Every structure is written in C-alpha cells, then in structure tokens.
Amino acid sequence: MNPSPNRPRIAVDAMGGDFGPHVVVPGAVQMAKAKQYDLLLVGDEARVAAELNKHDTRGLEVRVVHASQVAEMHDKPSEALRRKKDSSIQVCCNLVRAGEADGLISAGNTGVVLACSLFTLGRLEGVDRPALATILPTERTPCVLTDAGANVDCKPLNLLQFAIMADVMARTLLRYPDPKVALLSNGEEEGKGNQLVKESFELLKQSSLSFVGNVEGRDLFSGDVDVVICDGFVGNVVIKQAEGLASSLGRLLKGELRRGFFAKIGTTLALSALKRFSRLMDYAEYGGAPLLGLKGIVIVSHGASNIKAIGNAVDMAGVLIRRDATRLMREGLAANKDFAHFVKRPAQAD
C-alpha cells in the first residue's frame, strides 16, 4: 500500500463506541474538512448515510462502505473474528489491507480491533506483540505510555520491544530527538519491582535507548521522562485512574468554587485556568491510541469518545499517514541494534 501524503484516506468505524454514527460521523467529517482528509465511513449504510446527510460535505471526498455486522463491546475477539466477518471493524481492516485506505480509527471493542488488525494487517517483521500506546499530558510536554492495555501478561522481551517501538513513536509523532525512556515500578531504585520489572530493567539498561531507570506512579505527570513502559494490565489501570481522577477533580473544583458569593467571584477569576486544566486532562484532546508494531496505521479511540475525540483520532491517523509512520517504524526497528540482537527468529506468520 502506498500512502497518500497529500490526501490521506482514512477508514472510520462509524458503528464503534457508545454513540455510533450520531457522534462518529460529525467528528470525522469536521476534522476531514479542516485537515484535507478523505473518508471511508464504514457501517450500516442506511444509518451512516442518514447521519452524513445532516452535514455539509462540500469539498470533502467521502464514501459510505456498508458493513452488515457490528462487533459489540461484550463480544470476545475470537468469537467476533469467526462469526462477524462483515463487522465494521473487520471491513475497515480489509480496506487498509487492500490499499483502499491508508489507516483506520475505531472507538469499538479494543480486543476486537486488536485481533482484526493483527490477523488482517499482520505485524512488522520481528515484532512479537503489538502494543497500545497512549499520550499522557504532563506538566511539561506529553509523554508516551505503553502498553496501555493490549497485552496483560508480558515477558521482559515484550517490554523491551514496547520501549523500542514507543521510542520510534516519540520521535515520529512528538518529534522528540532523543526520548528519555523509563520503566514504571513501585520505586525509583534499581532492584525495585516484581520479577518482570527487574528483568526488563536489565534489558533496558543494556539497550541503546536513553533509559533513565525506574519511574514511580506519582512522577508520571511531572514531565521528566518522554516514554513510560509497563505491561498492559498496569498501563490500563494507570490511564483509567488518570481519567477518573481528572473527572473527579474537575467536579470537586466546580463544587467548591460555587459555594457562596466570594467563591462565585473566585470562579469567574479562575475560569480561564479551569478551562486550561480541563483541556490538559481531557482524553478527547488526543483522540486515540495507536497500535504499534502493525503493518498499517490503526488508532483505537475511547469507547465514550465524543465528537471532539473522534475528530482528534482522525487527525492523529492523518498525521501518522502523512509522516509515513509505518515505514519509519519499520526502519526504526530494523536500525535498532537491540531489536536485531534479540530477534533471532523470523516473525511469526501473520
């Protein structure tokens, strides 16, 4: 597949997420018009077309691609692969594999997105497991955290590969020249952590990455590191805790500032700062999380994505396509001496 650098073609799972076409279609259309992207909206043709007709699509290349099935949030990935071969997620993957789309986004079942993209697109050479990478806001510049939920049980080699892929992502998407890589643990000192963390520490310490050691959960948002590595179980807990904490803090602040006359004055004075804080902690600002290590651009969005989040997910896909991120990831992995050293066998069959 040859990417379209000037007009990226993005397949959008219009049925994904909690709100389906009602939110996905306007979010995708607004961003596509603003950034000059072409869209393939995948899902129930009648429902998607009805929503699309509500929006001004002049100057926009958009096509509705019918999919007769939907992978629900409760579906097991293996069952969805066998019984829902015409799901909107699977059709998106097929479009990318056939070269009709340069990348895809979905706010649907993460496990199904991973399974479909893995078996349809395949892994880059030498990659053992694709990893979900998310961008975290910090006090300074954003950092990449991976794995954010694709792999619950991992080996040290997996974490090393996650680190190498996240390093390439930080260089490609965030444009960091030499990302600082850290391992998430229960203490900063070498020797802290469970067996996985300890063994992964040794691999990372010997690698050519700019590994700065362990980082604790309390320091994730300080901005001192650019890449944070962990297994998918821990990573998923971290991002959901961060989302919950941000929401609770926002509600607590609003409640406190509304108490009494002087509090209302304070609310008015602090309004701009509160808005900035809200934007900083809002997952919708980043839109989605790329699946690293695949032969194609795949962005997984939050199930509760709103119009803004869907639009930013489309934009993330467009940026990665325009920067030819799959090629850069392939070249970055091939050029990394640690990756070449530890991968002594051919990639498993896709």
Foldseek 3Di string as FASTA:
>chain_A
DAADLQAAEEEEAQQFFDPGVLFLVLLAQVLCVVRRYAYEYEEAQVVNVVSNVVDDNPPHHYHYHYFPAADAQPDALVCCVPPRCRHRLLVSLVCCLVVVGQAYEHQHHPNNNLSSQCVRFHFQKLQAGWAWWAWAAAPPHIAIEIRQANFQDDALVNQVVVQLQRQLVCCQVVVDPAFEEAEEFQDQDQPGHDPRSNVNQVLVVPFPHNYPGHDYLVCNRHPPGRYYTDGNVVNNVSLVVLLVVLVVVLVVLVVQLVPDDVSVVVCVVCVVVSVVSNCNSDSLVQQFIWTTGTQGTYTHGHSNHGSSSSNNSSVSRSSCSSSVVNVSSSVSLVPGPSSVVVRPDIHDDD
